[in-house]
Amino acid sequence: MSDMKLSDKKRLQIIEAAVDLFSNSGVDATSMDMVAKVAQVSKRTVYNHFATKELLFSAVLNHMLADIECNERLKFEPTIAIDEQLLQIAQAEVNLLTSDAFLRIARMTFIQLLHDAKLAQTLNQQHIGCLGTLPNFLAQACEHGLLSIEDLELAAKQFVYQLKSLIFYPLLYGIETPNQQRYDYLIEQTVELFLARYAAKIA
């Protein structure tokens, strides 16, 4: 950060202060005065960089998403069993969904989603995790005769949403505590259920 311009340094200070405040106190409960105090800059400086709290929130969200960006394209390997590949994909997805960084974003945005439809669209367009490239992976598995899927987008969502409903949401809402042994079991069940529905039938 030593090579950054002073203006860029102050902008980053403001964003990092807002990350902590938004995460701990909520967006609505955080004022620009509070951001300025924690960032150790003047209120005028905050407004020079971010004219509204909505713009600041957007910058904070982009900053946090950049830290967990995980859009590596899934590569189908015809020499590896399909169940092993799906298990690896599911494990990587669960690692992301249960990470402190991802949960922090989820908790910060949860309330905002209730009154900001555009935010939901923005998050959906990010394609965080495997959902963005999973349909293509599934298509390749179908081409190799391992899976039989008519609606690739739907199948990909079924796979990911199963993991979210069983692992991510209970953790987000505080219904369950982290339990890797439980996660491993749920991952295995998710893959088994998926293959029971979509594995190609051998004549």
Protein backbone atom coordinates (compact mmCIF):
# COMPACT_ATOMS: atom_id res chain seq x y z
CA MET A 1 0.00 0.00 0.00
CA SER A 2 3.09 2.26 0.30
CA ASP A 3 3.11 2.86 -3.49
CA MET A 4 -0.53 3.98 -3.57
CA LYS A 5 -1.53 7.59 -4.06
CA LEU A 6 -2.80 9.35 -0.94
CA SER A 7 -6.30 9.56 -2.43
CA ASP A 8 -6.30 5.82 -3.13
CA LYS A 9 -5.05 5.09 0.39
CA LYS A 10 -7.87 7.11 1.91
CA ARG A 11 -10.42 5.42 -0.33
CA LEU A 12 -9.16 2.01 0.82
CA GLN A 13 -9.25 3.14 4.46
CA ILE A 14 -12.87 4.17 4.02
CA ILE A 15 -13.83 0.88 2.38
CA GLU A 16 -12.08 -1.21 5.03
CA ALA A 17 -13.72 0.79 7.81
CA ALA A 18 -17.11 0.32 6.14
CA VAL A 19 -16.50 -3.43 5.80
CA ASP A 20 -16.10 -3.73 9.57
CA LEU A 21 -19.01 -1.45 10.40
CA PHE A 22 -21.43 -2.92 7.86
CA SER A 23 -20.53 -6.46 8.93
CA ASN A 24 -20.79 -5.84 12.67
CA SER A 25 -23.52 -3.21 12.94
CA GLY A 26 -25.44 -3.53 9.70
CA VAL A 27 -25.69 -1.12 6.80
CA ASP A 28 -28.75 0.76 8.04
CA ALA A 29 -27.26 1.29 11.50
CA THR A 30 -24.01 2.65 10.11
CA SER A 31 -23.73 6.37 9.42
CA MET A 32 -21.19 8.11 7.23
CA ASP A 33 -19.97 9.88 10.40
CA MET A 34 -19.16 6.48 11.90
CA VAL A 35 -17.30 5.45 8.76
CA ALA A 36 -15.26 8.65 8.82
CA LYS A 37 -14.35 8.15 12.47
CA VAL A 38 -13.22 4.54 12.06
CA ALA A 39 -11.37 5.32 8.81
CA GLN A 40 -9.69 8.29 10.55
CA VAL A 41 -10.62 10.69 7.77
CA SER A 42 -12.94 13.67 7.60
CA LYS A 43 -16.59 13.30 6.71
CA ARG A 44 -15.92 15.50 3.68
CA THR A 45 -13.29 13.01 2.49
CA VAL A 46 -15.79 10.17 2.79
CA TYR A 47 -18.32 12.07 0.67
CA ASN A 48 -15.66 13.08 -1.85
CA HIS A 49 -15.10 9.39 -2.55
CA PHE A 50 -18.66 8.15 -2.04
CA ALA A 51 -21.51 10.60 -2.50
CA THR A 52 -24.03 8.24 -0.91
CA LYS A 53 -24.04 5.28 1.43
CA GLU A 54 -25.44 3.18 -1.42
CA LEU A 55 -22.32 3.85 -3.50
CA LEU A 56 -20.14 3.04 -0.52
CA PHE A 57 -22.01 -0.21 0.03
CA SER A 58 -21.52 -1.15 -3.61
CA ALA A 59 -17.77 -0.49 -3.34
CA VAL A 60 -17.59 -2.52 -0.12
CA LEU A 61 -19.42 -5.43 -1.73
CA ASN A 62 -17.11 -5.41 -4.76
CA HIS A 63 -14.08 -5.24 -2.46
CA MET A 64 -15.26 -8.24 -0.44
CA LEU A 65 -16.25 -10.27 -3.49
CA ALA A 66 -12.81 -9.71 -5.02
CA ASP A 67 -11.28 -11.40 -1.98
CA ILE A 68 -13.27 -14.60 -2.53
CA GLU A 69 -13.51 -14.56 -6.30
CA CYS A 70 -13.54 -18.18 -7.35
CA ASN A 71 -14.43 -18.51 -11.01
CA GLU A 72 -11.91 -21.13 -12.04
CA ARG A 73 -13.36 -23.06 -14.95
CA LEU A 74 -14.27 -26.63 -14.06
CA LYS A 75 -12.39 -29.10 -16.22
CA PHE A 76 -13.95 -32.45 -17.00
CA GLU A 77 -11.48 -35.35 -16.83
CA PRO A 78 -12.67 -38.41 -18.80
CA THR A 79 -10.14 -40.65 -17.06
CA ILE A 80 -11.50 -39.89 -13.57
CA ALA A 81 -14.74 -41.41 -12.30
CA ILE A 82 -17.65 -38.97 -12.48
CA ASP A 83 -18.59 -39.48 -8.84
CA GLU A 84 -15.06 -38.56 -7.75
CA GLN A 85 -15.15 -35.40 -9.84
CA LEU A 86 -18.55 -34.37 -8.48
CA LEU A 87 -17.34 -35.01 -4.93
CA GLN A 88 -14.36 -32.70 -5.54
CA ILE A 89 -16.62 -30.00 -6.99
CA ALA A 90 -19.05 -30.28 -4.08
CA GLN A 91 -16.23 -30.13 -1.52
CA ALA A 92 -14.79 -26.99 -3.12
CA GLU A 93 -18.25 -25.39 -3.14
CA VAL A 94 -18.83 -26.23 0.52
CA ASN A 95 -15.40 -24.84 1.41
CA LEU A 96 -16.48 -21.57 -0.18
CA LEU A 97 -19.98 -21.50 1.30
CA THR A 98 -18.69 -22.12 4.83
CA SER A 99 -15.71 -19.75 4.63
CA ASP A 100 -15.64 -16.77 7.00
CA ALA A 101 -15.33 -14.37 4.07
CA PHE A 102 -18.40 -15.72 2.25
CA LEU A 103 -20.53 -15.86 5.39
CA ARG A 104 -19.53 -12.31 6.23
CA ILE A 105 -20.80 -11.13 2.86
CA ALA A 106 -23.99 -13.15 3.23
CA ARG A 107 -24.77 -11.70 6.66
CA MET A 108 -24.02 -8.16 5.49
CA THR A 109 -26.23 -8.40 2.41
CA PHE A 110 -29.10 -10.41 3.88
CA ILE A 111 -31.13 -7.46 5.15
CA GLN A 112 -30.27 -5.33 2.10
CA LEU A 113 -31.67 -7.97 -0.23
CA LEU A 114 -35.12 -7.49 1.29
CA HIS A 115 -35.44 -3.96 -0.08
CA ASP A 116 -33.00 -3.85 -3.01
CA ALA A 117 -33.96 -6.03 -5.97
CA LYS A 118 -30.99 -4.78 -7.98
CA LEU A 119 -28.61 -6.13 -5.34
CA ALA A 120 -29.98 -9.63 -5.85
CA GLN A 121 -29.37 -9.29 -9.60
CA THR A 122 -25.84 -8.02 -8.98
CA LEU A 123 -24.98 -10.95 -6.75
CA ASN A 124 -26.54 -13.41 -9.18
CA GLN A 125 -24.39 -12.06 -12.01
CA GLN A 126 -21.20 -12.64 -10.02
CA HIS A 127 -21.38 -16.42 -10.52
CA ILE A 128 -19.49 -17.03 -7.30
CA GLY A 129 -18.43 -20.62 -6.91
CA CYS A 130 -19.02 -23.43 -9.37
CA LEU A 131 -22.48 -22.51 -10.68
CA GLY A 132 -21.14 -20.41 -13.55
CA THR A 133 -19.13 -23.23 -15.15
CA LEU A 134 -20.88 -26.35 -13.83
CA PRO A 135 -23.35 -26.59 -16.77
CA ASN A 136 -20.45 -26.82 -19.21
CA PHE A 137 -18.81 -29.53 -17.07
CA LEU A 138 -22.07 -31.48 -17.01
CA ALA A 139 -22.40 -31.10 -20.78
CA GLN A 140 -18.97 -32.66 -21.28
CA ALA A 141 -19.89 -35.54 -18.96
CA CYS A 142 -23.01 -36.08 -21.06
CA GLU A 143 -20.96 -36.09 -24.27
CA HIS A 144 -18.82 -38.87 -22.79
CA GLY A 145 -21.91 -40.91 -21.99
CA LEU A 146 -21.61 -40.65 -18.20
CA LEU A 147 -24.62 -38.44 -17.52
CA SER A 148 -27.97 -37.95 -19.20
CA ILE A 149 -29.30 -34.41 -18.65
CA GLU A 150 -31.82 -32.47 -20.72
CA ASP A 151 -31.72 -29.19 -18.76
CA LEU A 152 -28.11 -28.46 -17.82
CA GLU A 153 -28.84 -25.16 -16.05
CA LEU A 154 -31.51 -26.75 -13.90
CA ALA A 155 -29.32 -29.73 -13.02
CA ALA A 156 -26.45 -27.41 -12.02
CA LYS A 157 -28.77 -25.41 -9.77
CA GLN A 158 -30.16 -28.58 -8.19
CA PHE A 159 -26.62 -29.67 -7.35
CA VAL A 160 -25.53 -26.34 -5.84
CA TYR A 161 -28.82 -25.45 -4.15
CA GLN A 162 -28.89 -28.84 -2.42
CA LEU A 163 -25.56 -27.97 -0.80
CA LYS A 164 -26.77 -24.50 0.09
CA SER A 165 -30.00 -25.69 1.66
CA LEU A 166 -28.35 -28.45 3.69
CA ILE A 167 -25.13 -26.70 4.72
CA PHE A 168 -24.96 -22.98 3.97
CA TYR A 169 -28.35 -21.71 5.17
CA PRO A 170 -28.37 -23.62 8.47
CA LEU A 171 -24.92 -22.15 9.15
CA LEU A 172 -25.94 -18.65 8.08
CA TYR A 173 -29.03 -18.65 10.30
CA GLY A 174 -27.16 -20.14 13.25
CA ILE A 175 -29.30 -23.28 13.25
CA GLU A 176 -26.23 -25.50 13.09
CA THR A 177 -22.56 -25.14 13.98
CA PRO A 178 -19.67 -26.07 11.65
CA ASN A 179 -19.16 -29.83 11.51
CA GLN A 180 -16.82 -31.21 8.84
CA GLN A 181 -17.89 -34.81 9.42
CA ARG A 182 -21.50 -33.79 8.85
CA TYR A 183 -20.49 -31.80 5.75
CA ASP A 184 -18.69 -34.83 4.28
CA TYR A 185 -21.79 -36.95 4.78
CA LEU A 186 -24.07 -34.36 3.17
CA ILE A 187 -21.69 -33.95 0.23
CA GLU A 188 -21.72 -37.70 -0.37
CA GLN A 189 -25.51 -37.80 -0.17
CA THR A 190 -25.83 -34.87 -2.57
CA VAL A 191 -23.63 -36.57 -5.16
CA GLU A 192 -25.43 -39.90 -4.73
CA LEU A 193 -28.82 -38.25 -5.18
CA PHE A 194 -27.60 -36.33 -8.23
CA LEU A 195 -26.23 -39.47 -9.88
CA ALA A 196 -29.38 -41.43 -9.04
CA ARG A 197 -31.26 -38.86 -11.13
CA TYR A 198 -28.78 -38.08 -13.90
CA ALA A 199 -26.32 -40.98 -14.32
CA ALA A 200 -26.58 -42.41 -17.82
CA LYS A 201 -28.40 -45.71 -17.92
CA ILE A 202 -26.26 -48.52 -19.30
CA ALA A 203 -28.21 -50.78 -21.65
